[in-house]
Amino acid sequence: MQSKLLVALFATLALTACQKAEEAAAPAMEESKEAAGAAADSAADAARSAAEAAGAAAEATGDAAAAAADATKDAAAEAAQDTADAAQGVADKAKDAAQ
């Protein structure tokens, strides 16, 4: 009978200790949940910022490509004009030589 009483007393003490531990841990659990929520919000903000930065980089790349295309077009037009001028010069010399 005494051993059953000791087991019951021990079980009661263990249950009380568990309840106290749970009560003590409750504020920490609540704080950890809030911290996890804040971390998730921060991660979402970081992802949005990264997406915006990627969009801006893509736009800048597009602008740079357009500028490069314009520069290439201008250089090609200038080279064509130089070629036409040289051909005209040769034609003028040939005409002068023929006279």
N, C-alpha and C. Protein backbone atom coordinates (compact mmCIF):
# COMPACT_ATOMS: atom_id res chain seq x y z
N MET A 1 0.82 -1.19 0.00
CA MET A 1 0.00 0.00 0.00
C MET A 1 0.86 1.26 0.00
N GLN A 2 1.95 1.21 0.78
CA GLN A 2 2.82 2.37 0.82
C GLN A 2 3.47 2.62 -0.54
N SER A 3 3.83 1.55 -1.24
CA SER A 3 4.47 1.73 -2.54
C SER A 3 3.49 2.35 -3.53
N LYS A 4 2.22 1.95 -3.45
CA LYS A 4 1.22 2.57 -4.33
C LYS A 4 1.06 4.04 -3.99
N LEU A 5 1.11 4.35 -2.73
CA LEU A 5 0.99 5.74 -2.29
C LEU A 5 2.20 6.55 -2.75
N LEU A 6 3.38 5.94 -2.66
CA LEU A 6 4.59 6.61 -3.14
C LEU A 6 4.55 6.83 -4.65
N VAL A 7 4.06 5.84 -5.38
CA VAL A 7 3.95 5.96 -6.84
C VAL A 7 2.96 7.07 -7.18
N ALA A 8 1.83 7.11 -6.47
CA ALA A 8 0.83 8.14 -6.72
C ALA A 8 1.39 9.52 -6.38
N LEU A 9 2.13 9.61 -5.27
CA LEU A 9 2.74 10.88 -4.88
C LEU A 9 3.78 11.31 -5.91
N PHE A 10 4.59 10.36 -6.34
CA PHE A 10 5.60 10.67 -7.36
C PHE A 10 4.93 11.12 -8.67
N ALA A 11 3.85 10.43 -9.07
CA ALA A 11 3.14 10.80 -10.30
C ALA A 11 2.55 12.21 -10.16
N THR A 12 2.01 12.52 -9.00
CA THR A 12 1.45 13.84 -8.76
C THR A 12 2.53 14.91 -8.83
N LEU A 13 3.67 14.63 -8.22
CA LEU A 13 4.79 15.58 -8.27
C LEU A 13 5.29 15.76 -9.71
N ALA A 14 5.38 14.67 -10.46
CA ALA A 14 5.83 14.75 -11.85
C ALA A 14 4.84 15.55 -12.68
N LEU A 15 3.54 15.31 -12.46
CA LEU A 15 2.52 16.06 -13.20
C LEU A 15 2.58 17.53 -12.86
N THR A 16 2.75 17.84 -11.59
CA THR A 16 2.86 19.24 -11.16
C THR A 16 4.09 19.89 -11.79
N ALA A 17 5.19 19.18 -11.81
CA ALA A 17 6.42 19.72 -12.40
C ALA A 17 6.21 19.97 -13.90
N CYS A 18 5.54 19.06 -14.57
CA CYS A 18 5.28 19.26 -16.01
C CYS A 18 4.38 20.47 -16.24
N GLN A 19 3.36 20.62 -15.40
CA GLN A 19 2.46 21.77 -15.54
C GLN A 19 3.22 23.07 -15.31
N LYS A 20 4.08 23.10 -14.31
CA LYS A 20 4.88 24.30 -14.04
C LYS A 20 5.83 24.59 -15.20
N ALA A 21 6.42 23.57 -15.74
CA ALA A 21 7.32 23.76 -16.88
C ALA A 21 6.56 24.29 -18.08
N GLU A 22 5.35 23.77 -18.30
CA GLU A 22 4.53 24.25 -19.41
C GLU A 22 4.15 25.71 -19.21
N GLU A 23 3.76 26.07 -17.99
CA GLU A 23 3.41 27.46 -17.70
C GLU A 23 4.62 28.37 -17.88
N ALA A 24 5.78 27.89 -17.48
CA ALA A 24 7.00 28.70 -17.63
C ALA A 24 7.39 28.85 -19.09
N ALA A 25 7.13 27.83 -19.89
CA ALA A 25 7.53 27.87 -21.30
C ALA A 25 6.53 28.62 -22.17
N ALA A 26 5.32 28.83 -21.70
CA ALA A 26 4.28 29.46 -22.52
C ALA A 26 4.70 30.84 -23.06
N PRO A 27 5.23 31.74 -22.21
CA PRO A 27 5.64 33.04 -22.76
C PRO A 27 6.74 32.92 -23.81
N ALA A 28 7.68 32.03 -23.58
CA ALA A 28 8.75 31.84 -24.56
C ALA A 28 8.20 31.29 -25.87
N MET A 29 7.24 30.39 -25.77
CA MET A 29 6.61 29.85 -26.99
C MET A 29 5.89 30.95 -27.75
N GLU A 30 5.19 31.81 -27.02
CA GLU A 30 4.46 32.91 -27.67
C GLU A 30 5.45 33.86 -28.36
N GLU A 31 6.54 34.16 -27.66
CA GLU A 31 7.55 35.04 -28.26
C GLU A 31 8.19 34.40 -29.49
N SER A 32 8.42 33.09 -29.43
CA SER A 32 9.02 32.42 -30.59
C SER A 32 8.06 32.40 -31.77
N LYS A 33 6.75 32.28 -31.49
CA LYS A 33 5.77 32.34 -32.58
C LYS A 33 5.76 33.73 -33.21
N GLU A 34 5.82 34.77 -32.37
CA GLU A 34 5.86 36.13 -32.89
C GLU A 34 7.14 36.37 -33.69
N ALA A 35 8.25 35.87 -33.18
CA ALA A 35 9.53 36.02 -33.90
C ALA A 35 9.49 35.29 -35.23
N ALA A 36 8.88 34.12 -35.24
CA ALA A 36 8.78 33.37 -36.50
C ALA A 36 7.91 34.13 -37.50
N GLY A 37 6.83 34.73 -37.01
CA GLY A 37 5.98 35.53 -37.90
C GLY A 37 6.73 36.73 -38.46
N ALA A 38 7.49 37.41 -37.58
CA ALA A 38 8.28 38.56 -38.04
C ALA A 38 9.34 38.12 -39.05
N ALA A 39 9.96 36.97 -38.81
CA ALA A 39 10.96 36.47 -39.75
C ALA A 39 10.33 36.14 -41.10
N ALA A 40 9.13 35.57 -41.06
CA ALA A 40 8.43 35.26 -42.32
C ALA A 40 8.08 36.55 -43.07
N ASP A 41 7.63 37.57 -42.33
CA ASP A 41 7.34 38.86 -42.97
C ASP A 41 8.60 39.46 -43.58
N SER A 42 9.71 39.39 -42.85
CA SER A 42 10.97 39.92 -43.37
C SER A 42 11.42 39.16 -44.62
N ALA A 43 11.25 37.86 -44.60
CA ALA A 43 11.63 37.06 -45.77
C ALA A 43 10.76 37.43 -46.97
N ALA A 44 9.47 37.66 -46.73
CA ALA A 44 8.58 38.05 -47.83
C ALA A 44 8.98 39.42 -48.36
N ASP A 45 9.32 40.35 -47.46
CA ASP A 45 9.77 41.67 -47.90
C ASP A 45 11.06 41.57 -48.72
N ALA A 46 11.97 40.72 -48.25
CA ALA A 46 13.23 40.53 -48.98
C ALA A 46 12.98 39.94 -50.36
N ALA A 47 12.04 39.00 -50.45
CA ALA A 47 11.72 38.40 -51.74
C ALA A 47 11.12 39.44 -52.68
N ARG A 48 10.23 40.29 -52.14
CA ARG A 48 9.64 41.36 -52.97
C ARG A 48 10.72 42.32 -53.45
N SER A 49 11.63 42.69 -52.55
CA SER A 49 12.72 43.59 -52.93
C SER A 49 13.62 42.97 -53.99
N ALA A 50 13.90 41.69 -53.84
CA ALA A 50 14.73 41.00 -54.84
C ALA A 50 14.03 40.97 -56.19
N ALA A 51 12.72 40.74 -56.17
CA ALA A 51 11.96 40.72 -57.43
C ALA A 51 11.97 42.10 -58.08
N GLU A 52 11.81 43.13 -57.26
CA GLU A 52 11.85 44.50 -57.82
C GLU A 52 13.23 44.81 -58.38
N ALA A 53 14.28 44.39 -57.67
CA ALA A 53 15.64 44.61 -58.16
C ALA A 53 15.88 43.86 -59.46
N ALA A 54 15.37 42.65 -59.55
CA ALA A 54 15.53 41.88 -60.79
C ALA A 54 14.80 42.56 -61.94
N GLY A 55 13.61 43.10 -61.65
CA GLY A 55 12.87 43.82 -62.68
C GLY A 55 13.62 45.05 -63.14
N ALA A 56 14.18 45.79 -62.17
CA ALA A 56 14.95 46.98 -62.53
C ALA A 56 16.19 46.62 -63.33
N ALA A 57 16.85 45.52 -62.96
CA ALA A 57 18.03 45.08 -63.71
C ALA A 57 17.65 44.67 -65.13
N ALA A 58 16.51 43.99 -65.26
CA ALA A 58 16.06 43.59 -66.60
C ALA A 58 15.75 44.82 -67.44
N GLU A 59 15.13 45.81 -66.82
CA GLU A 59 14.81 47.05 -67.55
C GLU A 59 16.09 47.76 -67.96
N ALA A 60 17.05 47.82 -67.04
CA ALA A 60 18.33 48.48 -67.35
C ALA A 60 19.06 47.72 -68.46
N THR A 61 18.98 46.40 -68.42
CA THR A 61 19.61 45.59 -69.48
C THR A 61 18.94 45.87 -70.82
N GLY A 62 17.62 45.97 -70.79
CA GLY A 62 16.89 46.29 -72.03
C GLY A 62 17.27 47.64 -72.56
N ASP A 63 17.38 48.63 -71.65
CA ASP A 63 17.79 49.98 -72.06
C ASP A 63 19.20 49.96 -72.64
N ALA A 64 20.09 49.21 -72.00
CA ALA A 64 21.47 49.13 -72.49
C ALA A 64 21.51 48.46 -73.86
N ALA A 65 20.69 47.43 -74.04
CA ALA A 65 20.65 46.75 -75.33
C ALA A 65 20.11 47.68 -76.42
N ALA A 66 19.10 48.47 -76.07
CA ALA A 66 18.55 49.42 -77.04
C ALA A 66 19.60 50.47 -77.40
N ALA A 67 20.32 50.94 -76.40
CA ALA A 67 21.36 51.94 -76.65
C ALA A 67 22.47 51.33 -77.53
N ALA A 68 22.82 50.08 -77.26
CA ALA A 68 23.85 49.42 -78.07
C ALA A 68 23.36 49.24 -79.50
N ALA A 69 22.09 48.90 -79.65
CA ALA A 69 21.53 48.73 -81.00
C ALA A 69 21.55 50.06 -81.74
N ASP A 70 21.18 51.13 -81.04
CA ASP A 70 21.22 52.46 -81.67
C ASP A 70 22.64 52.83 -82.08
N ALA A 71 23.60 52.56 -81.19
CA ALA A 71 24.99 52.88 -81.50
C ALA A 71 25.48 52.05 -82.70
N THR A 72 25.10 50.78 -82.74
CA THR A 72 25.49 49.92 -83.86
C THR A 72 24.87 50.41 -85.16
N LYS A 73 23.59 50.79 -85.08
CA LYS A 73 22.90 51.30 -86.27
C LYS A 73 23.57 52.58 -86.76
N ASP A 74 23.90 53.47 -85.82
CA ASP A 74 24.56 54.72 -86.21
C ASP A 74 25.93 54.46 -86.84
N ALA A 75 26.67 53.52 -86.25
CA ALA A 75 27.99 53.20 -86.79
C ALA A 75 27.87 52.58 -88.18
N ALA A 76 26.87 51.73 -88.37
CA ALA A 76 26.67 51.12 -89.69
C ALA A 76 26.27 52.18 -90.71
N ALA A 77 25.42 53.11 -90.31
CA ALA A 77 25.02 54.17 -91.23
C ALA A 77 26.20 55.06 -91.60
N GLU A 78 27.03 55.34 -90.63
CA GLU A 78 28.21 56.17 -90.89
C GLU A 78 29.18 55.44 -91.82
N ALA A 79 29.36 54.13 -91.58
CA ALA A 79 30.24 53.34 -92.45
C ALA A 79 29.69 53.28 -93.87
N ALA A 80 28.37 53.14 -94.01
CA ALA A 80 27.76 53.11 -95.34
C ALA A 80 27.95 54.45 -96.04
N GLN A 81 27.79 55.54 -95.29
CA GLN A 81 27.97 56.87 -95.88
C GLN A 81 29.42 57.07 -96.31
N ASP A 82 30.36 56.62 -95.48
CA ASP A 82 31.79 56.73 -95.83
C ASP A 82 32.09 55.93 -97.10
N THR A 83 31.48 54.74 -97.20
CA THR A 83 31.67 53.91 -98.39
C THR A 83 31.09 54.60 -99.63
N ALA A 84 29.88 55.17 -99.47
CA ALA A 84 29.26 55.88 -100.59
C ALA A 84 30.10 57.09 -101.01
N ASP A 85 30.63 57.81 -100.02
CA ASP A 85 31.49 58.96 -100.34
C ASP A 85 32.75 58.52 -101.07
N ALA A 86 33.32 57.41 -100.63
CA ALA A 86 34.53 56.92 -101.30
C ALA A 86 34.21 56.47 -102.71
N ALA A 87 33.08 55.80 -102.89
CA ALA A 87 32.68 55.37 -104.24
C ALA A 87 32.44 56.58 -105.13
N GLN A 88 31.81 57.61 -104.57
CA GLN A 88 31.57 58.84 -105.35
C GLN A 88 32.90 59.47 -105.75
N GLY A 89 33.87 59.45 -104.81
CA GLY A 89 35.20 60.01 -105.11
C GLY A 89 35.88 59.26 -106.25
N VAL A 90 35.77 57.92 -106.20
CA VAL A 90 36.36 57.10 -107.26
C VAL A 90 35.66 57.37 -108.57
N ALA A 91 34.33 57.50 -108.54
CA ALA A 91 33.57 57.76 -109.77
C ALA A 91 33.94 59.13 -110.35
N ASP A 92 34.09 60.13 -109.46
CA ASP A 92 34.49 61.47 -109.93
C ASP A 92 35.87 61.43 -110.56
N LYS A 93 36.80 60.69 -109.97
CA LYS A 93 38.14 60.59 -110.52
C LYS A 93 38.10 59.88 -111.88
N ALA A 94 37.27 58.85 -111.99
CA ALA A 94 37.16 58.12 -113.26
C ALA A 94 36.55 59.02 -114.32
N LYS A 95 35.60 59.84 -113.94
CA LYS A 95 34.96 60.76 -114.89
C LYS A 95 35.97 61.80 -115.36
N ASP A 96 36.73 62.33 -114.37
CA ASP A 96 37.75 63.31 -114.72
C ASP A 96 38.81 62.70 -115.63
N ALA A 97 39.16 61.48 -115.37
CA ALA A 97 40.18 60.81 -116.17
C ALA A 97 39.67 60.53 -117.58
N ALA A 98 38.37 60.29 -117.68
CA ALA A 98 37.79 59.99 -118.98
C ALA A 98 37.70 61.25 -119.84
N GLN A 99 37.68 62.40 -119.27
CA GLN A 99 37.53 63.64 -120.06
C GLN A 99 38.83 64.04 -120.60
